[in-house]
C-alpha atoms as a PDB file:
ATOM      1  CA  MET A   1     -32.974 313.718 257.650  1.00  0.00           C
ATOM      2  CA  GLN A   2     -30.054 312.954 254.751  1.00  0.00           C
ATOM      3  CA  LYS A   3     -27.761 311.143 256.990  1.00  0.00           C
ATOM      4  CA  MET A   4     -30.473 308.711 257.628  1.00  0.00           C
ATOM      5  CA  LEU A   5     -30.900 308.845 253.761  1.00  0.00           C
ATOM      6  CA  ALA A   6     -27.681 307.889 253.817  1.00  0.00           C
ATOM      7  CA  VAL A   7     -27.122 305.004 256.172  1.00  0.00           C
ATOM      8  CA  VAL A   8     -31.038 303.777 254.495  1.00  0.00           C
ATOM      9  CA  LEU A   9     -28.721 303.672 250.988  1.00  0.00           C
ATOM     10  CA  GLY A  10     -25.810 302.853 252.191  1.00  0.00           C
ATOM     11  CA  LEU A  11     -27.182 299.414 253.816  1.00  0.00           C
ATOM     12  CA  TRP A  12     -29.898 299.208 250.708  1.00  0.00           C
ATOM     13  CA  LEU A  13     -27.176 299.156 248.322  1.00  0.00           C
ATOM     14  CA  GLN A  14     -23.904 297.155 250.021  1.00  0.00           C
ATOM     15  CA  PRO A  15     -22.801 294.133 248.444  1.00  0.00           C
ATOM     16  CA  PRO A  16     -24.715 290.835 249.836  1.00  0.00           C
ATOM     17  CA  PRO A  17     -22.382 288.767 252.226  1.00  0.00           C
ATOM     18  CA  GLU A  18     -20.261 285.743 251.143  1.00  0.00           C
ATOM     19  CA  ARG A  19     -21.492 282.737 250.965  1.00  0.00           C
ATOM     20  CA  ASP A  20     -19.536 279.643 252.664  1.00  0.00           C
ATOM     21  CA  GLU A  21     -19.543 277.228 249.755  1.00  0.00           C
ATOM     22  CA  ARG A  22     -17.320 274.652 250.974  1.00  0.00           C
ATOM     23  CA  GLY A  23     -18.286 271.510 250.708  1.00  0.00           C
ATOM     24  CA  LEU A  24     -20.763 269.266 249.403  1.00  0.00           C
ATOM     25  CA  SER A  25     -24.623 270.787 249.234  1.00  0.00           C
ATOM     26  CA  GLN A  26     -26.937 268.474 251.525  1.00  0.00           C
ATOM     27  CA  SER A  27     -28.604 266.172 248.813  1.00  0.00           C
ATOM     28  CA  THR A  28     -25.440 265.367 247.089  1.00  0.00           C
ATOM     29  CA  GLU A  29     -24.204 264.136 250.468  1.00  0.00           C
ATOM     30  CA  ASN A  30     -27.547 261.918 251.125  1.00  0.00           C
ATOM     31  CA  ALA A  31     -27.113 260.953 247.454  1.00  0.00           C
ATOM     32  CA  ILE A  32     -23.503 259.599 248.385  1.00  0.00           C
ATOM     33  CA  LEU A  33     -24.975 257.890 251.614  1.00  0.00           C
ATOM     34  CA  LEU A  34     -28.119 256.346 249.749  1.00  0.00           C
ATOM     35  CA  ALA A  35     -25.249 255.053 246.782  1.00  0.00           C
ATOM     36  CA  GLY A  36     -22.846 253.580 249.926  1.00  0.00           C
ATOM     37  CA  ALA A  37     -25.717 251.680 251.885  1.00  0.00           C
ATOM     38  CA  ILE A  38     -27.360 249.974 248.547  1.00  0.00           C
ATOM     39  CA  ALA A  39     -23.691 248.927 248.179  1.00  0.00           C
ATOM     40  CA  VAL A  40     -23.451 247.336 251.358  1.00  0.00           C
ATOM     41  CA  ALA A  41     -26.959 245.635 251.299  1.00  0.00           C
ATOM     42  CA  THR A  42     -25.758 244.104 247.809  1.00  0.00           C
ATOM     43  CA  ILE A  43     -22.736 242.570 249.422  1.00  0.00           C
ATOM     44  CA  VAL A  44     -24.434 241.554 252.297  1.00  0.00           C
ATOM     45  CA  VAL A  45     -27.453 239.481 250.329  1.00  0.00           C
ATOM     46  CA  THR A  46     -24.795 238.663 247.400  1.00  0.00           C
ATOM     47  CA  ALA A  47     -22.321 237.135 250.916  1.00  0.00           C
ATOM     48  CA  VAL A  48     -25.369 235.328 252.304  1.00  0.00           C
ATOM     49  CA  THR A  49     -26.937 233.666 249.549  1.00  0.00           C
ATOM     50  CA  VAL A  50     -23.456 232.395 248.602  1.00  0.00           C
ATOM     51  CA  TYR A  51     -22.975 230.959 251.373  1.00  0.00           C
ATOM     52  CA  VAL A  52     -26.719 229.685 251.594  1.00  0.00           C
ATOM     53  CA  ARG A  53     -26.379 227.558 248.648  1.00  0.00           C
ATOM     54  CA  SER A  54     -22.752 226.590 249.309  1.00  0.00           C
ATOM     55  CA  LYS A  55     -24.382 224.828 252.813  1.00  0.00           C
ATOM     56  CA  MET A  56     -27.498 223.494 250.777  1.00  0.00           C
ATOM     57  CA  PRO A  57     -27.315 219.388 250.565  1.00  0.00           C
ATOM     58  CA  GLY A  58     -27.259 217.915 247.339  1.00  0.00           C
ATOM     59  CA  GLN A  59     -25.682 220.734 245.215  1.00  0.00           C
END
């Protein structure tokens, strides 16, 4: 009985396993990817707008 109690207490009182905290969180990665996608979309829209305006007659 004492041995079983010692095992249960040992498992209960042992420190929690260490977390592997390398890298960014998933939400941070998603935010960075979203910001990159917005930047690329802005560049494409600006380039197309400049091209179309330069090809318009009368300007």
